[in-house]
Amino acid sequence: MNFYLVLIINAIFINNFILSQFLGICPFLGVSRKTETALGMGFAVIFVMGIASAITYAVNLLLIEFNVQYLQTIVFILVIAALVQLVEMVIKKFSPSLYSALGVYLPLITTNCAVLGVAIMNVSIFENTSLLISFLNGVASGAGFTLAILILAGIREKLERSTIPEPFKGFPITLICAGIMSMAFAAFSGMTF
Protein backbone atom coordinates (compact mmCIF):
# COMPACT_ATOMS: atom_id res chain seq x y z
CA MET A 1 0.00 0.00 0.00
CA ASN A 2 2.86 2.35 0.86
CA PHE A 3 4.41 1.80 -2.60
CA TYR A 4 1.18 2.84 -4.33
CA LEU A 5 0.91 5.99 -2.22
CA VAL A 6 4.52 6.93 -3.03
CA LEU A 7 3.86 6.25 -6.73
CA ILE A 8 0.81 8.54 -6.72
CA ILE A 9 2.50 11.37 -4.80
CA ASN A 10 5.56 11.05 -7.03
CA ALA A 11 3.52 11.29 -10.24
CA ILE A 12 1.39 14.21 -9.07
CA PHE A 13 3.91 16.40 -7.29
CA ILE A 14 7.54 15.35 -7.62
CA ASN A 15 7.72 14.22 -11.27
CA ASN A 16 4.82 16.27 -12.58
CA PHE A 17 4.97 15.92 -16.36
CA ILE A 18 4.35 19.60 -16.99
CA LEU A 19 6.19 21.34 -14.19
CA SER A 20 9.23 19.13 -13.71
CA GLN A 21 9.59 17.26 -17.00
CA PHE A 22 8.14 19.98 -19.28
CA LEU A 23 6.02 17.58 -21.32
CA GLY A 24 2.54 18.58 -22.48
CA ILE A 25 3.16 22.31 -22.50
CA CYS A 26 0.96 23.03 -25.57
CA PRO A 27 -2.42 22.22 -23.98
CA PHE A 28 -1.13 23.50 -20.63
CA LEU A 29 -0.66 26.99 -22.05
CA GLY A 30 -3.47 26.85 -24.61
CA VAL A 31 -6.41 25.62 -22.52
CA SER A 32 -5.60 27.31 -19.21
CA ARG A 33 -7.53 30.52 -19.80
CA LYS A 34 -10.63 29.39 -17.85
CA THR A 35 -10.89 26.89 -15.01
CA GLU A 36 -13.94 25.12 -16.51
CA THR A 37 -12.12 24.44 -19.76
CA ALA A 38 -8.95 23.44 -17.91
CA LEU A 39 -10.91 21.01 -15.75
CA GLY A 40 -12.53 19.43 -18.81
CA MET A 41 -9.15 19.04 -20.49
CA GLY A 42 -7.70 17.66 -17.28
CA PHE A 43 -10.37 14.96 -16.99
CA ALA A 44 -9.89 14.05 -20.65
CA VAL A 45 -6.13 13.73 -20.10
CA ILE A 46 -6.63 11.65 -16.92
CA PHE A 47 -8.89 9.28 -18.84
CA VAL A 48 -6.58 9.01 -21.85
CA MET A 49 -3.41 8.64 -19.73
CA GLY A 50 -4.96 5.99 -17.49
CA ILE A 51 -6.48 3.87 -20.23
CA ALA A 52 -3.50 4.39 -22.58
CA SER A 53 -1.11 3.28 -19.82
CA ALA A 54 -3.04 0.06 -19.28
CA ILE A 55 -3.49 -0.71 -22.98
CA THR A 56 0.07 0.14 -23.97
CA TYR A 57 1.39 -2.02 -21.13
CA ALA A 58 -0.60 -4.98 -22.50
CA VAL A 59 0.34 -4.16 -26.11
CA ASN A 60 4.00 -3.96 -25.14
CA LEU A 61 3.79 -7.53 -23.81
CA LEU A 62 2.58 -8.56 -27.26
CA LEU A 63 5.38 -6.62 -28.94
CA ILE A 64 7.92 -8.39 -26.73
CA GLU A 65 6.29 -11.76 -27.42
CA PHE A 66 6.62 -11.27 -31.19
CA ASN A 67 10.04 -9.58 -30.83
CA VAL A 68 8.97 -6.33 -32.53
CA GLN A 69 9.72 -3.81 -29.77
CA TYR A 70 11.00 -1.38 -32.39
CA LEU A 71 7.34 -0.68 -33.28
CA GLN A 72 6.64 0.49 -29.74
CA THR A 73 6.38 4.23 -30.37
CA ILE A 74 4.24 3.88 -33.50
CA VAL A 75 1.86 1.42 -31.85
CA PHE A 76 1.59 3.58 -28.73
CA ILE A 77 0.71 6.64 -30.81
CA LEU A 78 -1.99 4.65 -32.62
CA VAL A 79 -3.48 3.48 -29.30
CA ILE A 80 -3.45 7.03 -27.92
CA ALA A 81 -5.01 8.42 -31.13
CA ALA A 82 -7.83 5.87 -30.95
CA LEU A 83 -8.51 6.75 -27.31
CA VAL A 84 -8.54 10.47 -28.06
CA GLN A 85 -11.04 9.90 -30.86
CA LEU A 86 -13.24 8.03 -28.38
CA VAL A 87 -12.97 10.86 -25.83
CA GLU A 88 -13.68 13.44 -28.53
CA MET A 89 -16.86 11.63 -29.60
CA VAL A 90 -18.09 11.29 -26.01
CA ILE A 91 -17.44 14.96 -25.16
CA LYS A 92 -19.05 16.11 -28.40
CA LYS A 93 -22.14 14.03 -27.63
CA PHE A 94 -22.58 14.86 -23.94
CA SER A 95 -21.03 18.33 -23.59
CA PRO A 96 -21.02 20.32 -26.85
CA SER A 97 -20.08 23.52 -25.02
CA LEU A 98 -16.95 21.89 -23.54
CA TYR A 99 -16.18 20.39 -26.96
CA SER A 100 -16.26 23.81 -28.61
CA ALA A 101 -14.32 25.41 -25.73
CA LEU A 102 -11.52 22.83 -26.00
CA GLY A 103 -11.42 23.35 -29.76
CA VAL A 104 -8.23 22.23 -31.45
CA TYR A 105 -6.59 21.28 -28.15
CA LEU A 106 -8.72 18.15 -27.70
CA PRO A 107 -7.31 16.38 -30.76
CA LEU A 108 -3.88 17.62 -29.68
CA ILE A 109 -4.00 15.13 -26.79
CA THR A 110 -3.02 12.60 -29.47
CA THR A 111 0.31 14.34 -29.94
CA ASN A 112 0.60 15.40 -26.30
CA CYS A 113 4.06 14.20 -25.41
CA ALA A 114 3.02 13.77 -21.77
CA VAL A 115 0.58 11.00 -22.73
CA LEU A 116 3.19 9.26 -24.86
CA GLY A 117 5.81 9.91 -22.17
CA VAL A 118 3.83 8.16 -19.45
CA ALA A 119 3.17 5.19 -21.74
CA ILE A 120 6.85 4.82 -22.61
CA MET A 121 7.89 5.39 -18.99
CA ASN A 122 5.55 2.63 -17.83
CA VAL A 123 7.15 0.04 -20.09
CA SER A 124 10.74 1.19 -19.57
CA ILE A 125 11.06 2.29 -15.94
CA PHE A 126 8.33 0.04 -14.54
CA GLU A 127 9.41 -2.81 -16.80
CA ASN A 128 8.98 -5.65 -14.32
CA THR A 129 5.78 -4.46 -12.69
CA SER A 130 2.10 -5.02 -13.18
CA LEU A 131 -0.74 -3.63 -15.20
CA LEU A 132 -2.13 -2.03 -12.03
CA ILE A 133 1.05 -0.02 -11.43
CA SER A 134 1.04 1.21 -15.03
CA PHE A 135 -2.62 2.21 -14.75
CA LEU A 136 -2.10 3.98 -11.40
CA ASN A 137 0.92 5.84 -12.73
CA GLY A 138 -1.09 6.94 -15.77
CA VAL A 139 -4.04 8.17 -13.70
CA ALA A 140 -1.77 9.89 -11.15
CA SER A 141 0.24 11.54 -13.94
CA GLY A 142 -3.02 12.76 -15.45
CA ALA A 143 -4.05 14.09 -12.03
CA GLY A 144 -0.73 15.96 -11.86
CA PHE A 145 -1.42 17.42 -15.30
CA THR A 146 -4.91 18.43 -14.14
CA LEU A 147 -3.60 20.01 -10.95
CA ALA A 148 -1.02 22.05 -12.85
CA ILE A 149 -3.45 23.24 -15.53
CA LEU A 150 -6.10 24.16 -12.93
CA ILE A 151 -3.62 26.17 -10.87
CA LEU A 152 -2.46 28.06 -13.96
CA ALA A 153 -6.07 28.64 -15.07
CA GLY A 154 -6.92 30.09 -11.67
CA ILE A 155 -3.89 32.37 -11.79
CA ARG A 156 -4.73 33.50 -15.33
CA GLU A 157 -8.32 34.31 -14.34
CA LYS A 158 -7.01 36.48 -11.49
CA LEU A 159 -4.48 38.13 -13.81
CA GLU A 160 -7.27 39.28 -16.14
CA ARG A 161 -8.50 41.56 -13.36
CA SER A 162 -5.01 42.72 -12.36
CA THR A 163 -2.90 45.62 -13.48
CA ILE A 164 0.01 44.22 -15.45
CA PRO A 165 2.69 46.27 -17.20
CA GLU A 166 2.07 46.40 -20.95
CA PRO A 167 5.14 44.36 -22.04
CA PHE A 168 4.10 41.48 -19.77
CA LYS A 169 0.43 41.24 -20.76
CA GLY A 170 -0.78 38.01 -22.31
CA PHE A 171 1.65 35.22 -23.05
CA PRO A 172 4.74 36.65 -21.26
CA ILE A 173 3.02 36.81 -17.85
CA THR A 174 1.66 33.30 -18.44
CA LEU A 175 5.18 31.98 -19.00
CA ILE A 176 6.43 33.81 -15.92
CA CYS A 177 3.65 32.26 -13.82
CA ALA A 178 4.37 28.80 -15.25
CA GLY A 179 8.06 29.24 -14.39
CA ILE A 180 7.25 30.25 -10.81
CA MET A 181 4.89 27.26 -10.52
CA SER A 182 7.67 25.01 -11.78
CA MET A 183 10.05 26.35 -9.13
CA ALA A 184 7.39 25.82 -6.45
CA PHE A 185 6.86 22.20 -7.55
CA ALA A 186 10.65 21.68 -7.56
CA ALA A 187 10.47 22.02 -3.77
CA PHE A 188 8.59 18.69 -3.68
CA SER A 189 11.68 16.91 -5.03
CA GLY A 190 13.23 17.17 -1.57
CA MET A 191 10.51 14.97 -0.06
CA THR A 192 11.66 11.65 1.32
CA PHE A 193 9.53 8.70 2.33
C-alpha atoms as a PDB file:
ATOM      1  CA  MET A   1       0.000   0.000   0.000  1.00  0.00           C
ATOM      2  CA  ASN A   2       2.860   2.352   0.861  1.00  0.00           C
ATOM      3  CA  PHE A   3       4.414   1.800  -2.602  1.00  0.00           C
ATOM      4  CA  TYR A   4       1.178   2.836  -4.328  1.00  0.00           C
ATOM      5  CA  LEU A   5       0.912   5.993  -2.215  1.00  0.00           C
ATOM      6  CA  VAL A   6       4.520   6.931  -3.025  1.00  0.00           C
ATOM      7  CA  LEU A   7       3.857   6.247  -6.727  1.00  0.00           C
ATOM      8  CA  ILE A   8       0.807   8.541  -6.722  1.00  0.00           C
ATOM      9  CA  ILE A   9       2.503  11.373  -4.803  1.00  0.00           C
ATOM     10  CA  ASN A  10       5.563  11.055  -7.027  1.00  0.00           C
ATOM     11  CA  ALA A  11       3.523  11.289 -10.244  1.00  0.00           C
ATOM     12  CA  ILE A  12       1.387  14.213  -9.069  1.00  0.00           C
ATOM     13  CA  PHE A  13       3.910  16.401  -7.290  1.00  0.00           C
ATOM     14  CA  ILE A  14       7.538  15.346  -7.617  1.00  0.00           C
ATOM     15  CA  ASN A  15       7.724  14.220 -11.268  1.00  0.00           C
ATOM     16  CA  ASN A  16       4.817  16.265 -12.584  1.00  0.00           C
ATOM     17  CA  PHE A  17       4.971  15.916 -16.356  1.00  0.00           C
ATOM     18  CA  ILE A  18       4.346  19.604 -16.987  1.00  0.00           C
ATOM     19  CA  LEU A  19       6.186  21.344 -14.186  1.00  0.00           C
ATOM     20  CA  SER A  20       9.225  19.130 -13.712  1.00  0.00           C
ATOM     21  CA  GLN A  21       9.595  17.260 -17.001  1.00  0.00           C
ATOM     22  CA  PHE A  22       8.137  19.981 -19.276  1.00  0.00           C
ATOM     23  CA  LEU A  23       6.020  17.578 -21.324  1.00  0.00           C
ATOM     24  CA  GLY A  24       2.537  18.576 -22.484  1.00  0.00           C
ATOM     25  CA  ILE A  25       3.159  22.312 -22.505  1.00  0.00           C
ATOM     26  CA  CYS A  26       0.962  23.026 -25.572  1.00  0.00           C
ATOM     27  CA  PRO A  27      -2.420  22.217 -23.978  1.00  0.00           C
ATOM     28  CA  PHE A  28      -1.132  23.498 -20.631  1.00  0.00           C
ATOM     29  CA  LEU A  29      -0.658  26.986 -22.048  1.00  0.00           C
ATOM     30  CA  GLY A  30      -3.468  26.855 -24.607  1.00  0.00           C
ATOM     31  CA  VAL A  31      -6.408  25.617 -22.517  1.00  0.00           C
ATOM     32  CA  SER A  32      -5.605  27.305 -19.210  1.00  0.00           C
ATOM     33  CA  ARG A  33      -7.533  30.523 -19.801  1.00  0.00           C
ATOM     34  CA  LYS A  34     -10.625  29.395 -17.854  1.00  0.00           C
ATOM     35  CA  THR A  35     -10.886  26.890 -15.012  1.00  0.00           C
ATOM     36  CA  GLU A  36     -13.935  25.124 -16.508  1.00  0.00           C
ATOM     37  CA  THR A  37     -12.118  24.437 -19.758  1.00  0.00           C
ATOM     38  CA  ALA A  38      -8.950  23.443 -17.912  1.00  0.00           C
ATOM     39  CA  LEU A  39     -10.908  21.010 -15.749  1.00  0.00           C
ATOM     40  CA  GLY A  40     -12.534  19.431 -18.810  1.00  0.00           C
ATOM     41  CA  MET A  41      -9.153  19.044 -20.491  1.00  0.00           C
ATOM     42  CA  GLY A  42      -7.705  17.659 -17.278  1.00  0.00           C
ATOM     43  CA  PHE A  43     -10.373  14.963 -16.993  1.00  0.00           C
ATOM     44  CA  ALA A  44      -9.893  14.052 -20.646  1.00  0.00           C
ATOM     45  CA  VAL A  45      -6.129  13.727 -20.101  1.00  0.00           C
ATOM     46  CA  ILE A  46      -6.630  11.654 -16.922  1.00  0.00           C
ATOM     47  CA  PHE A  47      -8.889   9.277 -18.841  1.00  0.00           C
ATOM     48  CA  VAL A  48      -6.580   9.014 -21.849  1.00  0.00           C
ATOM     49  CA  MET A  49      -3.413   8.640 -19.733  1.00  0.00           C
ATOM     50  CA  GLY A  50      -4.960   5.995 -17.486  1.00  0.00           C
ATOM     51  CA  ILE A  51      -6.475   3.871 -20.235  1.00  0.00           C
ATOM     52  CA  ALA A  52      -3.504   4.387 -22.579  1.00  0.00           C
ATOM     53  CA  SER A  53      -1.111   3.282 -19.825  1.00  0.00           C
ATOM     54  CA  ALA A  54      -3.036   0.064 -19.284  1.00  0.00           C
ATOM     55  CA  ILE A  55      -3.494  -0.709 -22.983  1.00  0.00           C
ATOM     56  CA  THR A  56       0.071   0.141 -23.968  1.00  0.00           C
ATOM     57  CA  TYR A  57       1.385  -2.019 -21.128  1.00  0.00           C
ATOM     58  CA  ALA A  58      -0.597  -4.977 -22.503  1.00  0.00           C
ATOM     59  CA  VAL A  59       0.338  -4.161 -26.108  1.00  0.00           C
ATOM     60  CA  ASN A  60       3.996  -3.958 -25.135  1.00  0.00           C
ATOM     61  CA  LEU A  61       3.785  -7.527 -23.809  1.00  0.00           C
ATOM     62  CA  LEU A  62       2.582  -8.564 -27.261  1.00  0.00           C
ATOM     63  CA  LEU A  63       5.377  -6.624 -28.936  1.00  0.00           C
ATOM     64  CA  ILE A  64       7.916  -8.385 -26.727  1.00  0.00           C
ATOM     65  CA  GLU A  65       6.292 -11.757 -27.416  1.00  0.00           C
ATOM     66  CA  PHE A  66       6.620 -11.265 -31.187  1.00  0.00           C
ATOM     67  CA  ASN A  67      10.041  -9.579 -30.830  1.00  0.00           C
ATOM     68  CA  VAL A  68       8.970  -6.333 -32.534  1.00  0.00           C
ATOM     69  CA  GLN A  69       9.718  -3.814 -29.769  1.00  0.00           C
ATOM     70  CA  TYR A  70      11.003  -1.376 -32.390  1.00  0.00           C
ATOM     71  CA  LEU A  71       7.343  -0.682 -33.284  1.00  0.00           C
ATOM     72  CA  GLN A  72       6.637   0.489 -29.741  1.00  0.00           C
ATOM     73  CA  THR A  73       6.378   4.235 -30.369  1.00  0.00           C
ATOM     74  CA  ILE A  74       4.238   3.877 -33.497  1.00  0.00           C
ATOM     75  CA  VAL A  75       1.859   1.419 -31.847  1.00  0.00           C
ATOM     76  CA  PHE A  76       1.591   3.576 -28.725  1.00  0.00           C
ATOM     77  CA  ILE A  77       0.713   6.644 -30.810  1.00  0.00           C
ATOM     78  CA  LEU A  78      -1.988   4.650 -32.620  1.00  0.00           C
ATOM     79  CA  VAL A  79      -3.477   3.475 -29.302  1.00  0.00           C
ATOM     80  CA  ILE A  80      -3.448   7.031 -27.925  1.00  0.00           C
ATOM     81  CA  ALA A  81      -5.006   8.418 -31.134  1.00  0.00           C
ATOM     82  CA  ALA A  82      -7.827   5.867 -30.949  1.00  0.00           C
ATOM     83  CA  LEU A  83      -8.510   6.752 -27.311  1.00  0.00           C
ATOM     84  CA  VAL A  84      -8.535  10.466 -28.061  1.00  0.00           C
ATOM     85  CA  GLN A  85     -11.042   9.902 -30.860  1.00  0.00           C
ATOM     86  CA  LEU A  86     -13.243   8.034 -28.376  1.00  0.00           C
ATOM     87  CA  VAL A  87     -12.970  10.856 -25.827  1.00  0.00           C
ATOM     88  CA  GLU A  88     -13.682  13.436 -28.531  1.00  0.00           C
ATOM     89  CA  MET A  89     -16.859  11.630 -29.605  1.00  0.00           C
ATOM     90  CA  VAL A  90     -18.087  11.293 -26.006  1.00  0.00           C
ATOM     91  CA  ILE A  91     -17.436  14.956 -25.156  1.00  0.00           C
ATOM     92  CA  LYS A  92     -19.049  16.115 -28.399  1.00  0.00           C
ATOM     93  CA  LYS A  93     -22.145  14.025 -27.633  1.00  0.00           C
ATOM     94  CA  PHE A  94     -22.579  14.857 -23.940  1.00  0.00           C
ATOM     95  CA  SER A  95     -21.034  18.332 -23.594  1.00  0.00           C
ATOM     96  CA  PRO A  96     -21.019  20.316 -26.847  1.00  0.00           C
ATOM     97  CA  SER A  97     -20.075  23.517 -25.018  1.00  0.00           C
ATOM     98  CA  LEU A  98     -16.948  21.895 -23.543  1.00  0.00           C
ATOM     99  CA  TYR A  99     -16.176  20.388 -26.959  1.00  0.00           C
ATOM    100  CA  SER A 100     -16.262  23.809 -28.606  1.00  0.00           C
ATOM    101  CA  ALA A 101     -14.319  25.409 -25.728  1.00  0.00           C
ATOM    102  CA  LEU A 102     -11.516  22.831 -25.999  1.00  0.00           C
ATOM    103  CA  GLY A 103     -11.415  23.350 -29.760  1.00  0.00           C
ATOM    104  CA  VAL A 104      -8.228  22.232 -31.446  1.00  0.00           C
ATOM    105  CA  TYR A 105      -6.590  21.279 -28.147  1.00  0.00           C
ATOM    106  CA  LEU A 106      -8.718  18.155 -27.696  1.00  0.00           C
ATOM    107  CA  PRO A 107      -7.308  16.376 -30.764  1.00  0.00           C
ATOM    108  CA  LEU A 108      -3.881  17.618 -29.681  1.00  0.00           C
ATOM    109  CA  ILE A 109      -4.004  15.129 -26.793  1.00  0.00           C
ATOM    110  CA  THR A 110      -3.016  12.604 -29.468  1.00  0.00           C
ATOM    111  CA  THR A 111       0.315  14.344 -29.937  1.00  0.00           C
ATOM    112  CA  ASN A 112       0.602  15.397 -26.300  1.00  0.00           C
ATOM    113  CA  CYS A 113       4.060  14.197 -25.413  1.00  0.00           C
ATOM    114  CA  ALA A 114       3.019  13.767 -21.768  1.00  0.00           C
ATOM    115  CA  VAL A 115       0.582  10.997 -22.728  1.00  0.00           C
ATOM    116  CA  LEU A 116       3.187   9.263 -24.864  1.00  0.00           C
ATOM    117  CA  GLY A 117       5.812   9.914 -22.173  1.00  0.00           C
ATOM    118  CA  VAL A 118       3.833   8.156 -19.453  1.00  0.00           C
ATOM    119  CA  ALA A 119       3.169   5.186 -21.742  1.00  0.00           C
ATOM    120  CA  ILE A 120       6.849   4.821 -22.606  1.00  0.00           C
ATOM    121  CA  MET A 121       7.887   5.392 -18.994  1.00  0.00           C
ATOM    122  CA  ASN A 122       5.555   2.625 -17.832  1.00  0.00           C
ATOM    123  CA  VAL A 123       7.153   0.042 -20.093  1.00  0.00           C
ATOM    124  CA  SER A 124      10.744   1.188 -19.570  1.00  0.00           C
ATOM    125  CA  ILE A 125      11.064   2.293 -15.942  1.00  0.00           C
ATOM    126  CA  PHE A 126       8.329   0.042 -14.536  1.00  0.00           C
ATOM    127  CA  GLU A 127       9.413  -2.813 -16.796  1.00  0.00           C
ATOM    128  CA  ASN A 128       8.984  -5.654 -14.321  1.00  0.00           C
ATOM    129  CA  THR A 129       5.782  -4.464 -12.689  1.00  0.00           C
ATOM    130  CA  SER A 130       2.099  -5.020 -13.176  1.00  0.00           C
ATOM    131  CA  LEU A 131      -0.735  -3.629 -15.202  1.00  0.00           C
ATOM    132  CA  LEU A 132      -2.132  -2.030 -12.026  1.00  0.00           C
ATOM    133  CA  ILE A 133       1.050  -0.019 -11.426  1.00  0.00           C
ATOM    134  CA  SER A 134       1.038   1.209 -15.032  1.00  0.00           C
ATOM    135  CA  PHE A 135      -2.623   2.212 -14.751  1.00  0.00           C
ATOM    136  CA  LEU A 136      -2.098   3.983 -11.401  1.00  0.00           C
ATOM    137  CA  ASN A 137       0.924   5.836 -12.735  1.00  0.00           C
ATOM    138  CA  GLY A 138      -1.087   6.942 -15.768  1.00  0.00           C
ATOM    139  CA  VAL A 139      -4.035   8.168 -13.699  1.00  0.00           C
ATOM    140  CA  ALA A 140      -1.772   9.890 -11.147  1.00  0.00           C
ATOM    141  CA  SER A 141       0.243  11.541 -13.940  1.00  0.00           C
ATOM    142  CA  GLY A 142      -3.023  12.755 -15.450  1.00  0.00           C
ATOM    143  CA  ALA A 143      -4.045  14.090 -12.032  1.00  0.00           C
ATOM    144  CA  GLY A 144      -0.734  15.958 -11.855  1.00  0.00           C
ATOM    145  CA  PHE A 145      -1.422  17.420 -15.301  1.00  0.00           C
ATOM    146  CA  THR A 146      -4.913  18.433 -14.139  1.00  0.00           C
ATOM    147  CA  LEU A 147      -3.598  20.007 -10.948  1.00  0.00           C
ATOM    148  CA  ALA A 148      -1.022  22.054 -12.849  1.00  0.00           C
ATOM    149  CA  ILE A 149      -3.447  23.240 -15.530  1.00  0.00           C
ATOM    150  CA  LEU A 150      -6.096  24.155 -12.926  1.00  0.00           C
ATOM    151  CA  ILE A 151      -3.620  26.166 -10.866  1.00  0.00           C
ATOM    152  CA  LEU A 152      -2.460  28.056 -13.956  1.00  0.00           C
ATOM    153  CA  ALA A 153      -6.072  28.640 -15.074  1.00  0.00           C
ATOM    154  CA  GLY A 154      -6.920  30.094 -11.670  1.00  0.00           C
ATOM    155  CA  ILE A 155      -3.894  32.369 -11.794  1.00  0.00           C
ATOM    156  CA  ARG A 156      -4.727  33.504 -15.335  1.00  0.00           C
ATOM    157  CA  GLU A 157      -8.320  34.312 -14.338  1.00  0.00           C
ATOM    158  CA  LYS A 158      -7.009  36.478 -11.489  1.00  0.00           C
ATOM    159  CA  LEU A 159      -4.475  38.132 -13.814  1.00  0.00           C
ATOM    160  CA  GLU A 160      -7.267  39.278 -16.142  1.00  0.00           C
ATOM    161  CA  ARG A 161      -8.498  41.565 -13.363  1.00  0.00           C
ATOM    162  CA  SER A 162      -5.009  42.720 -12.359  1.00  0.00           C
ATOM    163  CA  THR A 163      -2.903  45.622 -13.485  1.00  0.00           C
ATOM    164  CA  ILE A 164       0.011  44.220 -15.450  1.00  0.00           C
ATOM    165  CA  PRO A 165       2.689  46.273 -17.201  1.00  0.00           C
ATOM    166  CA  GLU A 166       2.068  46.399 -20.954  1.00  0.00           C
ATOM    167  CA  PRO A 167       5.138  44.363 -22.039  1.00  0.00           C
ATOM    168  CA  PHE A 168       4.102  41.475 -19.771  1.00  0.00           C
ATOM    169  CA  LYS A 169       0.425  41.235 -20.763  1.00  0.00           C
ATOM    170  CA  GLY A 170      -0.781  38.006 -22.313  1.00  0.00           C
ATOM    171  CA  PHE A 171       1.650  35.220 -23.047  1.00  0.00           C
ATOM    172  CA  PRO A 172       4.736  36.653 -21.259  1.00  0.00           C
ATOM    173  CA  ILE A 173       3.021  36.811 -17.855  1.00  0.00           C
ATOM    174  CA  THR A 174       1.656  33.297 -18.435  1.00  0.00           C
ATOM    175  CA  LEU A 175       5.181  31.980 -18.998  1.00  0.00           C
ATOM    176  CA  ILE A 176       6.425  33.811 -15.919  1.00  0.00           C
ATOM    177  CA  CYS A 177       3.645  32.265 -13.819  1.00  0.00           C
ATOM    178  CA  ALA A 178       4.373  28.804 -15.247  1.00  0.00           C
ATOM    179  CA  GLY A 179       8.058  29.239 -14.391  1.00  0.00           C
ATOM    180  CA  ILE A 180       7.245  30.247 -10.811  1.00  0.00           C
ATOM    181  CA  MET A 181       4.887  27.265 -10.518  1.00  0.00           C
ATOM    182  CA  SER A 182       7.673  25.013 -11.779  1.00  0.00           C
ATOM    183  CA  MET A 183      10.045  26.355  -9.125  1.00  0.00           C
ATOM    184  CA  ALA A 184       7.394  25.824  -6.453  1.00  0.00           C
ATOM    185  CA  PHE A 185       6.857  22.205  -7.552  1.00  0.00           C
ATOM    186  CA  ALA A 186      10.645  21.684  -7.557  1.00  0.00           C
ATOM    187  CA  ALA A 187      10.466  22.016  -3.767  1.00  0.00           C
ATOM    188  CA  PHE A 188       8.593  18.693  -3.677  1.00  0.00           C
ATOM    189  CA  SER A 189      11.682  16.906  -5.028  1.00  0.00           C
ATOM    190  CA  GLY A 190      13.230  17.175  -1.574  1.00  0.00           C
ATOM    191  CA  MET A 191      10.514  14.968  -0.064  1.00  0.00           C
ATOM    192  CA  THR A 192      11.663  11.647   1.322  1.00  0.00           C
ATOM    193  CA  PHE A 193       9.529   8.700   2.330  1.00  0.00           C
END
